[in-house]
């Protein structure tokens, strides 16, 4: 399941045994998503959040979280995100 945020959809999908790509923006969102059982994290909107530099900054405290940048990610930005 893909959710726009951290509402009731995350635990509901997990109860059904579904993996969840939860929408997050902040470190607090990431911690909440982890608590709710999200299996991957959708950084949205990635371009407006700071792009690859923001994703790289999140990698510091969250090196093992699966981050998926979404929103404003074109081919050039995708390469930069992968490098982050």
N, C-alpha and C. Protein backbone atom coordinates (compact mmCIF):
# COMPACT_ATOMS: atom_id res chain seq x y z
N UNK A 1 0.85 -1.19 0.00
CA UNK A 1 0.00 0.00 0.00
C UNK A 1 0.89 1.24 0.00
N UNK A 2 0.42 2.27 -0.66
CA UNK A 2 1.11 3.56 -0.68
C UNK A 2 0.19 4.55 0.02
N UNK A 3 0.70 5.23 1.04
CA UNK A 3 -0.11 6.20 1.77
C UNK A 3 0.47 7.59 1.61
N UNK A 4 -0.38 8.63 1.64
CA UNK A 4 0.12 9.99 1.52
C UNK A 4 0.75 10.50 2.80
N UNK A 5 0.48 9.84 3.90
CA UNK A 5 1.01 10.27 5.19
C UNK A 5 0.98 9.13 6.18
N UNK A 6 0.79 9.49 7.43
CA UNK A 6 0.89 8.50 8.51
C UNK A 6 -0.44 8.27 9.21
N UNK A 7 -1.50 8.25 8.46
CA UNK A 7 -2.82 8.04 9.05
C UNK A 7 -3.12 6.58 9.30
N UNK A 8 -4.41 6.28 9.36
CA UNK A 8 -4.88 4.94 9.69
C UNK A 8 -4.52 3.90 8.63
N UNK A 9 -4.18 4.35 7.42
CA UNK A 9 -3.86 3.41 6.35
C UNK A 9 -2.64 2.57 6.63
N UNK A 10 -1.67 3.11 7.35
CA UNK A 10 -0.43 2.36 7.61
C UNK A 10 -0.71 1.14 8.48
N UNK A 11 -1.26 1.31 9.68
CA UNK A 11 -1.51 0.10 10.49
C UNK A 11 -2.56 -0.83 9.87
N UNK A 12 -3.54 -0.27 9.17
CA UNK A 12 -4.56 -1.12 8.54
C UNK A 12 -3.93 -2.02 7.48
N UNK A 13 -3.06 -1.47 6.66
CA UNK A 13 -2.39 -2.27 5.63
C UNK A 13 -1.47 -3.30 6.26
N UNK A 14 -0.78 -2.93 7.31
CA UNK A 14 0.12 -3.88 7.98
C UNK A 14 -0.67 -5.04 8.58
N UNK A 15 -1.87 -4.73 9.14
CA UNK A 15 -2.71 -5.80 9.70
C UNK A 15 -3.12 -6.80 8.62
N UNK A 16 -3.21 -6.33 7.38
CA UNK A 16 -3.55 -7.21 6.26
C UNK A 16 -2.32 -7.91 5.68
N UNK A 17 -1.15 -7.64 6.26
CA UNK A 17 0.07 -8.26 5.80
C UNK A 17 0.70 -7.60 4.59
N UNK A 18 0.24 -6.39 4.28
CA UNK A 18 0.75 -5.68 3.10
C UNK A 18 1.98 -4.85 3.46
N UNK A 19 2.96 -4.76 2.56
CA UNK A 19 4.05 -3.80 2.77
C UNK A 19 3.48 -2.39 2.58
N UNK A 20 4.07 -1.42 3.26
CA UNK A 20 3.56 -0.04 3.21
C UNK A 20 4.67 0.93 2.86
N UNK A 21 4.44 1.72 1.81
CA UNK A 21 5.29 2.85 1.45
C UNK A 21 4.57 4.08 1.99
N UNK A 22 5.00 4.56 3.16
CA UNK A 22 4.32 5.65 3.85
C UNK A 22 4.93 7.00 3.50
N UNK A 23 4.08 7.98 3.29
CA UNK A 23 4.54 9.34 3.00
C UNK A 23 5.06 10.02 4.26
N UNK A 24 6.28 10.55 4.18
CA UNK A 24 6.91 11.25 5.30
C UNK A 24 7.62 12.50 4.79
N UNK A 25 7.90 13.43 5.70
CA UNK A 25 8.64 14.63 5.33
C UNK A 25 9.74 14.94 6.35
N UNK A 26 9.49 14.68 7.61
CA UNK A 26 10.41 15.09 8.66
C UNK A 26 11.00 13.89 9.40
N UNK A 27 12.07 14.12 10.17
CA UNK A 27 12.59 13.04 11.01
C UNK A 27 11.53 12.49 11.98
N UNK A 28 10.69 13.36 12.50
CA UNK A 28 9.62 12.89 13.39
C UNK A 28 8.67 11.96 12.64
N UNK A 29 8.35 12.31 11.39
CA UNK A 29 7.52 11.43 10.56
C UNK A 29 8.19 10.07 10.38
N UNK A 30 9.49 10.07 10.15
CA UNK A 30 10.22 8.81 9.95
C UNK A 30 10.13 7.93 11.19
N UNK A 31 10.31 8.52 12.36
CA UNK A 31 10.21 7.76 13.60
C UNK A 31 8.80 7.21 13.80
N UNK A 32 7.80 8.03 13.49
CA UNK A 32 6.41 7.58 13.62
C UNK A 32 6.12 6.46 12.63
N UNK A 33 6.59 6.60 11.40
CA UNK A 33 6.38 5.57 10.39
C UNK A 33 6.99 4.25 10.83
N UNK A 34 8.16 4.32 11.41
CA UNK A 34 8.84 3.11 11.90
C UNK A 34 7.98 2.45 12.98
N UNK A 35 7.46 3.26 13.91
CA UNK A 35 6.62 2.74 14.99
C UNK A 35 5.35 2.09 14.45
N UNK A 36 4.77 2.69 13.40
CA UNK A 36 3.54 2.16 12.81
C UNK A 36 3.77 0.92 11.94
N UNK A 37 5.03 0.63 11.62
CA UNK A 37 5.34 -0.57 10.85
C UNK A 37 5.52 -0.37 9.36
N UNK A 38 5.71 0.89 8.92
CA UNK A 38 5.94 1.13 7.49
C UNK A 38 7.17 0.37 7.03
N UNK A 39 7.12 -0.18 5.83
CA UNK A 39 8.24 -0.96 5.32
C UNK A 39 9.19 -0.14 4.46
N UNK A 40 8.72 0.99 3.96
CA UNK A 40 9.55 1.93 3.21
C UNK A 40 8.94 3.32 3.37
N UNK A 41 9.74 4.34 3.09
CA UNK A 41 9.32 5.71 3.34
C UNK A 41 9.39 6.55 2.08
N UNK A 42 8.27 7.17 1.75
CA UNK A 42 8.16 8.02 0.57
C UNK A 42 8.40 9.47 1.00
N UNK A 43 9.55 10.05 0.59
CA UNK A 43 9.84 11.45 0.89
C UNK A 43 9.08 12.28 -0.13
N UNK A 44 8.07 13.02 0.34
CA UNK A 44 7.22 13.79 -0.58
C UNK A 44 6.84 15.13 0.02
N UNK A 45 6.94 16.18 -0.75
CA UNK A 45 7.51 16.29 -2.09
C UNK A 45 9.02 16.47 -2.00
N UNK A 46 9.75 15.58 -2.63
CA UNK A 46 11.20 15.54 -2.49
C UNK A 46 11.89 16.81 -2.99
N UNK A 47 11.49 17.31 -4.14
CA UNK A 47 12.15 18.49 -4.70
C UNK A 47 11.97 19.69 -3.78
N UNK A 48 10.76 19.89 -3.29
CA UNK A 48 10.48 21.03 -2.43
C UNK A 48 11.10 20.88 -1.04
N UNK A 49 11.35 19.65 -0.63
CA UNK A 49 11.97 19.41 0.68
C UNK A 49 13.46 19.72 0.68
N UNK A 50 14.06 19.83 -0.49
CA UNK A 50 15.49 20.10 -0.57
C UNK A 50 16.22 19.16 -1.50
N UNK A 51 15.49 18.26 -2.13
CA UNK A 51 16.09 17.38 -3.13
C UNK A 51 17.10 16.41 -2.55
N UNK A 52 18.09 16.05 -3.36
CA UNK A 52 19.10 15.07 -2.93
C UNK A 52 19.85 15.48 -1.66
N UNK A 53 20.06 16.78 -1.47
CA UNK A 53 20.75 17.21 -0.24
C UNK A 53 19.93 16.86 1.00
N UNK A 54 18.61 17.00 0.91
CA UNK A 54 17.75 16.66 2.04
C UNK A 54 17.79 15.16 2.31
N UNK A 55 17.71 14.36 1.26
CA UNK A 55 17.76 12.91 1.42
C UNK A 55 19.10 12.50 2.03
N UNK A 56 20.17 13.11 1.57
CA UNK A 56 21.49 12.81 2.12
C UNK A 56 21.55 13.17 3.60
N UNK A 57 20.96 14.30 3.97
CA UNK A 57 20.94 14.71 5.38
C UNK A 57 20.15 13.70 6.23
N UNK A 58 19.07 13.17 5.69
CA UNK A 58 18.28 12.17 6.42
C UNK A 58 19.04 10.86 6.59
N UNK A 59 19.94 10.57 5.67
CA UNK A 59 20.72 9.33 5.75
C UNK A 59 21.61 9.30 6.99
N UNK A 60 22.01 10.48 7.50
CA UNK A 60 22.84 10.51 8.70
C UNK A 60 22.18 9.79 9.87
N UNK A 61 21.04 10.29 10.34
CA UNK A 61 20.39 9.64 11.48
C UNK A 61 19.59 8.38 11.12
N UNK A 62 19.32 8.19 9.83
CA UNK A 62 18.50 7.04 9.40
C UNK A 62 19.20 6.28 8.27
N UNK A 63 20.39 5.72 8.54
CA UNK A 63 21.17 5.10 7.46
C UNK A 63 20.55 3.84 6.87
N UNK A 64 19.67 3.19 7.61
CA UNK A 64 19.12 1.92 7.13
C UNK A 64 17.66 2.00 6.71
N UNK A 65 17.08 3.19 6.76
CA UNK A 65 15.68 3.34 6.36
C UNK A 65 15.59 3.38 4.83
N UNK A 66 14.68 2.63 4.24
CA UNK A 66 14.48 2.68 2.79
C UNK A 66 13.72 3.96 2.40
N UNK A 67 14.43 4.94 1.87
CA UNK A 67 13.86 6.23 1.49
C UNK A 67 13.61 6.27 -0.01
N UNK A 68 12.41 6.67 -0.41
CA UNK A 68 12.03 6.74 -1.81
C UNK A 68 11.58 8.18 -2.11
N UNK A 69 12.45 8.99 -2.73
CA UNK A 69 12.06 10.37 -3.05
C UNK A 69 11.01 10.40 -4.16
N UNK A 70 9.95 11.17 -3.95
CA UNK A 70 8.85 11.28 -4.90
C UNK A 70 8.46 12.75 -5.00
N UNK A 71 8.16 13.20 -6.21
CA UNK A 71 7.70 14.57 -6.41
C UNK A 71 8.81 15.47 -6.89
N UNK A 72 8.77 15.81 -8.17
CA UNK A 72 9.79 16.68 -8.74
C UNK A 72 11.10 15.97 -9.02
N UNK A 73 11.06 14.66 -9.15
CA UNK A 73 12.28 13.88 -9.39
C UNK A 73 12.32 13.50 -10.87
N UNK A 74 13.14 14.24 -11.63
CA UNK A 74 13.34 13.90 -13.04
C UNK A 74 14.57 13.01 -13.17
N UNK A 75 14.99 12.72 -14.39
CA UNK A 75 16.12 11.80 -14.59
C UNK A 75 17.40 12.29 -13.92
N UNK A 76 17.71 13.57 -14.08
CA UNK A 76 18.93 14.12 -13.47
C UNK A 76 18.84 14.08 -11.95
N UNK A 77 17.69 14.45 -11.41
CA UNK A 77 17.52 14.43 -9.96
C UNK A 77 17.56 12.99 -9.43
N UNK A 78 17.03 12.05 -10.21
CA UNK A 78 17.05 10.65 -9.77
C UNK A 78 18.48 10.17 -9.58
N UNK A 79 19.36 10.54 -10.49
CA UNK A 79 20.77 10.14 -10.35
C UNK A 79 21.37 10.74 -9.08
N UNK A 80 21.06 12.00 -8.81
CA UNK A 80 21.58 12.65 -7.61
C UNK A 80 21.00 12.01 -6.35
N UNK A 81 19.73 11.64 -6.39
CA UNK A 81 19.12 10.97 -5.23
C UNK A 81 19.77 9.62 -4.98
N UNK A 82 20.05 8.88 -6.03
CA UNK A 82 20.70 7.58 -5.87
C UNK A 82 22.09 7.72 -5.27
N UNK A 83 22.77 8.80 -5.62
CA UNK A 83 24.10 9.05 -5.06
C UNK A 83 24.04 9.46 -3.60
N UNK A 84 22.91 10.03 -3.20
CA UNK A 84 22.74 10.47 -1.81
C UNK A 84 22.58 9.24 -0.94
